[in-house]
N, C-alpha and C. Protein backbone atom coordinates (compact mmCIF):
# COMPACT_ATOMS: atom_id res chain seq x y z
N MET A 1 -68.49 -25.65 44.66
CA MET A 1 -67.85 -24.36 44.88
C MET A 1 -67.10 -23.97 43.62
N VAL A 2 -67.17 -22.72 43.26
CA VAL A 2 -66.46 -22.20 42.10
C VAL A 2 -65.53 -21.10 42.59
N GLY A 3 -64.33 -21.07 42.06
CA GLY A 3 -63.38 -20.05 42.48
C GLY A 3 -62.44 -19.68 41.36
N ASN A 4 -61.84 -18.53 41.49
CA ASN A 4 -60.85 -18.04 40.56
C ASN A 4 -59.48 -18.26 41.19
N THR A 5 -58.69 -19.16 40.63
CA THR A 5 -57.40 -19.52 41.22
C THR A 5 -56.25 -19.09 40.33
N ASP A 6 -55.27 -18.43 40.91
CA ASP A 6 -54.02 -18.12 40.20
C ASP A 6 -53.14 -19.35 40.36
N TRP A 7 -53.17 -20.25 39.37
CA TRP A 7 -52.47 -21.53 39.47
C TRP A 7 -50.96 -21.37 39.51
N ALA A 8 -50.43 -20.37 38.83
CA ALA A 8 -48.99 -20.15 38.83
C ALA A 8 -48.54 -19.76 40.25
N GLN A 9 -49.27 -18.87 40.91
CA GLN A 9 -48.94 -18.47 42.27
C GLN A 9 -49.16 -19.62 43.25
N THR A 10 -50.21 -20.38 43.05
CA THR A 10 -50.51 -21.53 43.92
C THR A 10 -49.39 -22.56 43.82
N ALA A 11 -48.90 -22.79 42.61
CA ALA A 11 -47.80 -23.76 42.42
C ALA A 11 -46.53 -23.31 43.12
N LYS A 12 -46.31 -21.99 43.21
CA LYS A 12 -45.14 -21.48 43.93
C LYS A 12 -45.26 -21.72 45.43
N LEU A 13 -46.49 -21.62 45.93
CA LEU A 13 -46.72 -21.77 47.38
C LEU A 13 -46.89 -23.23 47.79
N LEU A 14 -47.47 -24.06 46.92
CA LEU A 14 -47.72 -25.45 47.22
C LEU A 14 -47.07 -26.35 46.19
N PRO A 15 -45.90 -26.89 46.46
CA PRO A 15 -45.20 -27.71 45.47
C PRO A 15 -46.03 -28.88 44.94
N ALA A 16 -46.98 -29.36 45.70
CA ALA A 16 -47.80 -30.50 45.25
C ALA A 16 -48.62 -30.15 44.03
N VAL A 17 -48.85 -28.86 43.79
CA VAL A 17 -49.62 -28.44 42.62
C VAL A 17 -48.84 -28.66 41.34
N ALA A 18 -47.56 -28.84 41.43
CA ALA A 18 -46.71 -29.10 40.24
C ALA A 18 -46.84 -30.55 39.79
N ALA A 19 -47.67 -31.35 40.45
CA ALA A 19 -47.87 -32.75 40.06
C ALA A 19 -48.51 -32.85 38.68
N PRO A 20 -48.27 -33.96 37.98
CA PRO A 20 -48.80 -34.11 36.62
C PRO A 20 -50.32 -33.91 36.50
N ARG A 21 -51.07 -34.21 37.54
CA ARG A 21 -52.53 -34.08 37.42
C ARG A 21 -52.98 -32.63 37.28
N PHE A 22 -52.09 -31.67 37.57
CA PHE A 22 -52.45 -30.26 37.43
C PHE A 22 -51.84 -29.59 36.20
N THR A 23 -51.15 -30.32 35.36
CA THR A 23 -50.44 -29.71 34.22
C THR A 23 -51.34 -28.90 33.31
N GLU A 24 -52.58 -29.31 33.12
CA GLU A 24 -53.47 -28.55 32.25
C GLU A 24 -53.90 -27.24 32.89
N MET A 25 -53.79 -27.12 34.20
CA MET A 25 -54.17 -25.90 34.91
C MET A 25 -53.05 -24.89 34.96
N LEU A 26 -51.79 -25.38 34.97
CA LEU A 26 -50.65 -24.49 35.13
C LEU A 26 -50.30 -23.81 33.80
N PRO A 27 -49.89 -22.56 33.87
CA PRO A 27 -49.49 -21.87 32.64
C PRO A 27 -48.19 -22.44 32.10
N ALA A 28 -47.99 -22.32 30.80
CA ALA A 28 -46.75 -22.81 30.19
C ALA A 28 -45.58 -22.00 30.71
N PRO A 29 -44.41 -22.63 30.85
CA PRO A 29 -43.23 -21.87 31.28
C PRO A 29 -43.00 -20.69 30.32
N GLY A 30 -42.73 -19.53 30.90
CA GLY A 30 -42.50 -18.35 30.10
C GLY A 30 -43.78 -17.65 29.67
N ALA A 31 -44.93 -18.12 30.17
CA ALA A 31 -46.21 -17.53 29.79
C ALA A 31 -46.37 -16.12 30.36
N TYR A 32 -45.69 -15.84 31.45
CA TYR A 32 -45.79 -14.53 32.07
C TYR A 32 -44.49 -13.75 31.80
N PRO A 33 -44.62 -12.49 31.38
CA PRO A 33 -43.42 -11.72 31.04
C PRO A 33 -42.46 -11.59 32.21
N GLN A 34 -42.98 -11.51 33.45
CA GLN A 34 -42.09 -11.35 34.60
C GLN A 34 -41.19 -12.56 34.79
N ASP A 35 -41.58 -13.73 34.26
CA ASP A 35 -40.76 -14.91 34.38
C ASP A 35 -39.58 -14.88 33.43
N THR A 36 -39.66 -14.07 32.40
CA THR A 36 -38.57 -13.99 31.43
C THR A 36 -37.66 -12.79 31.66
N ASP A 37 -37.94 -12.03 32.69
CA ASP A 37 -37.15 -10.84 32.98
C ASP A 37 -35.95 -11.12 33.86
N ARG A 38 -35.37 -12.27 33.73
CA ARG A 38 -34.23 -12.64 34.57
C ARG A 38 -33.01 -11.76 34.31
N ASN A 39 -32.94 -11.09 33.18
CA ASN A 39 -31.76 -10.32 32.86
C ASN A 39 -31.91 -8.83 33.23
N ILE A 40 -32.90 -8.44 33.97
CA ILE A 40 -33.10 -7.04 34.35
C ILE A 40 -31.90 -6.49 35.10
N PRO A 41 -31.32 -7.18 36.08
CA PRO A 41 -30.13 -6.62 36.75
C PRO A 41 -29.00 -6.29 35.79
N GLU A 42 -28.76 -7.15 34.81
CA GLU A 42 -27.68 -6.87 33.84
C GLU A 42 -28.03 -5.65 32.99
N LEU A 43 -29.30 -5.56 32.58
CA LEU A 43 -29.73 -4.39 31.81
C LEU A 43 -29.57 -3.10 32.59
N VAL A 44 -29.91 -3.15 33.87
CA VAL A 44 -29.78 -1.95 34.73
C VAL A 44 -28.33 -1.56 34.88
N ARG A 45 -27.46 -2.56 35.12
CA ARG A 45 -26.02 -2.26 35.33
C ARG A 45 -25.37 -1.71 34.07
N SER A 46 -25.84 -2.09 32.91
CA SER A 46 -25.21 -1.67 31.67
C SER A 46 -25.80 -0.41 31.09
N ALA A 47 -26.98 0.02 31.57
CA ALA A 47 -27.63 1.21 31.02
C ALA A 47 -27.12 2.49 31.66
N ALA A 48 -27.29 3.59 30.95
CA ALA A 48 -26.97 4.91 31.49
C ALA A 48 -27.96 5.21 32.62
N GLU A 49 -27.61 6.17 33.45
CA GLU A 49 -28.40 6.49 34.65
C GLU A 49 -29.88 6.73 34.39
N PRO A 50 -30.26 7.59 33.43
CA PRO A 50 -31.71 7.82 33.25
C PRO A 50 -32.48 6.57 32.78
N GLU A 51 -31.85 5.80 31.87
CA GLU A 51 -32.52 4.61 31.38
C GLU A 51 -32.60 3.54 32.47
N ALA A 52 -31.56 3.42 33.27
CA ALA A 52 -31.55 2.45 34.36
C ALA A 52 -32.61 2.81 35.39
N LEU A 53 -32.72 4.08 35.74
CA LEU A 53 -33.73 4.54 36.69
C LEU A 53 -35.13 4.27 36.15
N ALA A 54 -35.34 4.53 34.86
CA ALA A 54 -36.64 4.29 34.26
C ALA A 54 -36.98 2.80 34.28
N LEU A 55 -36.01 1.94 34.03
CA LEU A 55 -36.23 0.50 34.07
C LEU A 55 -36.59 0.02 35.47
N VAL A 56 -35.84 0.47 36.47
CA VAL A 56 -36.13 0.10 37.86
C VAL A 56 -37.51 0.60 38.28
N THR A 57 -37.84 1.82 37.87
CA THR A 57 -39.14 2.37 38.19
C THR A 57 -40.25 1.56 37.56
N GLU A 58 -40.05 1.16 36.31
CA GLU A 58 -41.05 0.34 35.62
C GLU A 58 -41.26 -0.99 36.31
N VAL A 59 -40.17 -1.63 36.72
CA VAL A 59 -40.26 -2.91 37.45
C VAL A 59 -40.98 -2.71 38.77
N LEU A 60 -40.63 -1.65 39.49
CA LEU A 60 -41.26 -1.38 40.78
C LEU A 60 -42.74 -1.13 40.62
N VAL A 61 -43.14 -0.33 39.64
CA VAL A 61 -44.57 -0.05 39.42
C VAL A 61 -45.32 -1.30 39.02
N SER A 62 -44.76 -2.09 38.12
CA SER A 62 -45.47 -3.31 37.69
C SER A 62 -45.58 -4.32 38.82
N ALA A 63 -44.54 -4.45 39.63
CA ALA A 63 -44.60 -5.37 40.78
C ALA A 63 -45.62 -4.87 41.81
N LEU A 64 -45.59 -3.59 42.08
CA LEU A 64 -46.54 -3.01 43.02
C LEU A 64 -47.98 -3.16 42.54
N ALA A 65 -48.20 -2.93 41.26
CA ALA A 65 -49.54 -3.08 40.69
C ALA A 65 -50.01 -4.52 40.79
N ALA A 66 -49.10 -5.48 40.55
CA ALA A 66 -49.48 -6.89 40.65
C ALA A 66 -49.85 -7.27 42.08
N VAL A 67 -49.08 -6.78 43.04
CA VAL A 67 -49.36 -7.08 44.45
C VAL A 67 -50.67 -6.43 44.89
N LEU A 68 -50.92 -5.23 44.41
CA LEU A 68 -52.13 -4.51 44.80
C LEU A 68 -53.35 -4.90 43.94
N HIS A 69 -53.12 -5.76 42.94
CA HIS A 69 -54.19 -6.19 42.03
C HIS A 69 -54.86 -4.99 41.36
N THR A 70 -54.02 -4.15 40.76
CA THR A 70 -54.52 -2.98 40.06
C THR A 70 -53.71 -2.79 38.78
N ALA A 71 -54.08 -1.83 37.98
CA ALA A 71 -53.34 -1.55 36.75
C ALA A 71 -52.17 -0.64 37.06
N PRO A 72 -51.04 -0.82 36.40
CA PRO A 72 -49.88 0.04 36.63
C PRO A 72 -50.17 1.52 36.45
N GLU A 73 -51.07 1.88 35.54
CA GLU A 73 -51.43 3.27 35.31
C GLU A 73 -52.05 3.92 36.55
N ARG A 74 -52.56 3.10 37.43
CA ARG A 74 -53.23 3.65 38.63
C ARG A 74 -52.27 3.93 39.76
N ILE A 75 -51.00 3.59 39.58
CA ILE A 75 -49.99 3.82 40.62
C ILE A 75 -49.42 5.24 40.45
N ASP A 76 -49.70 6.10 41.42
CA ASP A 76 -49.15 7.46 41.43
C ASP A 76 -47.75 7.38 42.05
N PRO A 77 -46.71 7.77 41.31
CA PRO A 77 -45.33 7.63 41.82
C PRO A 77 -45.02 8.51 43.02
N ASP A 78 -45.86 9.50 43.34
CA ASP A 78 -45.60 10.38 44.47
C ASP A 78 -46.42 10.05 45.69
N THR A 79 -47.29 9.06 45.61
CA THR A 79 -48.14 8.68 46.73
C THR A 79 -47.45 7.63 47.59
N ARG A 80 -47.54 7.80 48.90
CA ARG A 80 -46.94 6.82 49.83
C ARG A 80 -47.53 5.44 49.53
N LEU A 81 -46.70 4.42 49.64
CA LEU A 81 -47.16 3.06 49.32
C LEU A 81 -48.27 2.60 50.23
N ASP A 82 -48.21 2.99 51.51
CA ASP A 82 -49.29 2.60 52.43
C ASP A 82 -50.59 3.29 52.04
N GLN A 83 -50.54 4.47 51.48
CA GLN A 83 -51.75 5.16 51.05
C GLN A 83 -52.31 4.57 49.75
N LEU A 84 -51.46 3.84 49.02
CA LEU A 84 -51.93 3.13 47.83
C LEU A 84 -52.63 1.84 48.21
N GLY A 85 -52.49 1.44 49.50
CA GLY A 85 -53.15 0.22 49.96
C GLY A 85 -52.20 -0.87 50.36
N LEU A 86 -50.90 -0.62 50.30
CA LEU A 86 -49.88 -1.62 50.67
C LEU A 86 -49.87 -1.78 52.20
N GLU A 87 -50.12 -2.98 52.66
CA GLU A 87 -50.03 -3.27 54.08
C GLU A 87 -48.89 -4.27 54.30
N SER A 88 -48.65 -4.68 55.53
CA SER A 88 -47.45 -5.44 55.85
C SER A 88 -47.28 -6.75 55.10
N LEU A 89 -48.34 -7.54 54.95
CA LEU A 89 -48.21 -8.80 54.22
C LEU A 89 -47.96 -8.55 52.73
N MET A 90 -48.58 -7.51 52.19
CA MET A 90 -48.34 -7.17 50.80
C MET A 90 -46.91 -6.65 50.62
N ALA A 91 -46.41 -5.93 51.62
CA ALA A 91 -45.03 -5.44 51.56
C ALA A 91 -44.06 -6.63 51.52
N ALA A 92 -44.36 -7.66 52.29
CA ALA A 92 -43.51 -8.86 52.27
C ALA A 92 -43.55 -9.53 50.90
N GLU A 93 -44.72 -9.60 50.30
CA GLU A 93 -44.86 -10.16 48.96
C GLU A 93 -44.11 -9.30 47.93
N LEU A 94 -44.25 -7.99 48.03
CA LEU A 94 -43.55 -7.09 47.11
C LEU A 94 -42.04 -7.21 47.27
N SER A 95 -41.58 -7.35 48.50
CA SER A 95 -40.16 -7.53 48.74
C SER A 95 -39.64 -8.78 48.04
N SER A 96 -40.41 -9.85 48.12
CA SER A 96 -40.03 -11.10 47.45
C SER A 96 -39.99 -10.96 45.93
N VAL A 97 -41.01 -10.30 45.40
CA VAL A 97 -41.06 -10.10 43.93
C VAL A 97 -39.88 -9.24 43.46
N LEU A 98 -39.59 -8.17 44.18
CA LEU A 98 -38.48 -7.30 43.79
C LEU A 98 -37.14 -8.00 43.92
N GLN A 99 -37.00 -8.82 44.97
CA GLN A 99 -35.74 -9.56 45.11
C GLN A 99 -35.56 -10.52 43.95
N ARG A 100 -36.62 -11.16 43.51
CA ARG A 100 -36.55 -12.11 42.39
C ARG A 100 -36.27 -11.38 41.08
N ARG A 101 -36.95 -10.26 40.85
CA ARG A 101 -36.80 -9.56 39.57
C ARG A 101 -35.58 -8.68 39.47
N LEU A 102 -35.19 -8.05 40.58
CA LEU A 102 -34.06 -7.11 40.55
C LEU A 102 -32.78 -7.69 41.14
N ASP A 103 -32.90 -8.85 41.78
CA ASP A 103 -31.75 -9.51 42.41
C ASP A 103 -31.07 -8.62 43.44
N CYS A 104 -31.91 -7.98 44.27
CA CYS A 104 -31.37 -7.17 45.39
C CYS A 104 -32.35 -7.30 46.57
N VAL A 105 -31.82 -7.11 47.74
CA VAL A 105 -32.62 -7.23 48.96
C VAL A 105 -33.34 -5.91 49.23
N VAL A 106 -34.65 -5.99 49.41
CA VAL A 106 -35.45 -4.82 49.74
C VAL A 106 -36.20 -5.16 51.02
N PRO A 107 -35.78 -4.58 52.16
CA PRO A 107 -36.44 -4.89 53.42
C PRO A 107 -37.94 -4.54 53.41
N THR A 108 -38.71 -5.42 53.98
CA THR A 108 -40.18 -5.21 54.03
C THR A 108 -40.53 -3.91 54.73
N MET A 109 -39.83 -3.59 55.80
CA MET A 109 -40.14 -2.36 56.55
C MET A 109 -39.85 -1.12 55.69
N GLU A 110 -38.84 -1.19 54.83
CA GLU A 110 -38.56 -0.06 53.95
C GLU A 110 -39.73 0.16 52.98
N LEU A 111 -40.29 -0.92 52.49
CA LEU A 111 -41.44 -0.82 51.58
C LEU A 111 -42.67 -0.33 52.31
N ALA A 112 -42.88 -0.81 53.52
CA ALA A 112 -44.08 -0.43 54.28
C ALA A 112 -44.07 1.04 54.65
N THR A 113 -42.88 1.64 54.72
CA THR A 113 -42.78 3.04 55.11
C THR A 113 -42.30 3.95 53.98
N ALA A 114 -42.22 3.42 52.76
CA ALA A 114 -41.71 4.19 51.62
C ALA A 114 -42.59 5.38 51.30
N ALA A 115 -41.93 6.49 50.96
CA ALA A 115 -42.66 7.72 50.62
C ALA A 115 -43.34 7.62 49.29
N GLY A 116 -42.87 6.78 48.41
CA GLY A 116 -43.47 6.62 47.10
C GLY A 116 -42.50 5.98 46.13
N VAL A 117 -43.00 5.65 44.96
CA VAL A 117 -42.17 5.00 43.94
C VAL A 117 -41.03 5.90 43.52
N ARG A 118 -41.31 7.18 43.34
CA ARG A 118 -40.28 8.13 42.87
C ARG A 118 -39.11 8.23 43.84
N GLN A 119 -39.37 8.10 45.14
CA GLN A 119 -38.30 8.17 46.12
C GLN A 119 -37.61 6.82 46.32
N LEU A 120 -38.34 5.73 46.10
CA LEU A 120 -37.80 4.40 46.34
C LEU A 120 -36.96 3.89 45.17
N ALA A 121 -37.31 4.25 43.96
CA ALA A 121 -36.61 3.74 42.77
C ALA A 121 -35.12 4.06 42.76
N PRO A 122 -34.66 5.29 43.09
CA PRO A 122 -33.22 5.53 43.09
C PRO A 122 -32.44 4.69 44.11
N ARG A 123 -33.07 4.40 45.23
CA ARG A 123 -32.42 3.52 46.24
C ARG A 123 -32.28 2.11 45.69
N LEU A 124 -33.33 1.63 45.04
CA LEU A 124 -33.25 0.29 44.46
C LEU A 124 -32.21 0.24 43.34
N LEU A 125 -32.16 1.31 42.56
CA LEU A 125 -31.16 1.36 41.48
C LEU A 125 -29.75 1.23 42.05
N GLY A 126 -29.48 1.94 43.13
CA GLY A 126 -28.16 1.84 43.78
C GLY A 126 -27.85 0.41 44.23
N ARG A 127 -28.85 -0.26 44.79
CA ARG A 127 -28.63 -1.63 45.25
C ARG A 127 -28.39 -2.59 44.09
N VAL A 128 -29.14 -2.42 43.02
CA VAL A 128 -28.98 -3.30 41.85
C VAL A 128 -27.57 -3.07 41.27
N ARG A 129 -27.16 -1.84 41.16
CA ARG A 129 -25.84 -1.56 40.59
C ARG A 129 -24.71 -2.08 41.50
N ARG A 130 -24.90 -2.06 42.80
CA ARG A 130 -23.88 -2.60 43.72
C ARG A 130 -23.98 -4.12 43.85
N GLY A 131 -25.10 -4.68 43.41
CA GLY A 131 -25.30 -6.12 43.52
C GLY A 131 -25.60 -6.60 44.93
N VAL A 132 -26.30 -5.72 45.68
CA VAL A 132 -26.67 -6.07 47.07
C VAL A 132 -28.08 -6.50 47.19
């Protein structure tokens, strides 16, 4: 059997994959830009409103594109997330990604019913700035 495996994601889900026998399969630490974006909440809190909103929007679009397995350019900011193809399990995954990258809680139901990126980004910006 031949398959295409995302070893970084598999290692997150199955700790046994972090064993030495898989080291050649796993990406090097810091190989993915999203792993180095740990300072996004500080950048958002210190930026002026337009720059902070643009940064949160960029993070939201890139996370959504990754979950939907598409290019960020294909995400229309005015299209409802469910019409982009986001379903409940993907919304849970997106919630987890956003919590990790933005350090704020984003309820899965809010994502599943979101009107679009343009409407969701200001709410996320408020949460990041409040540290919730």
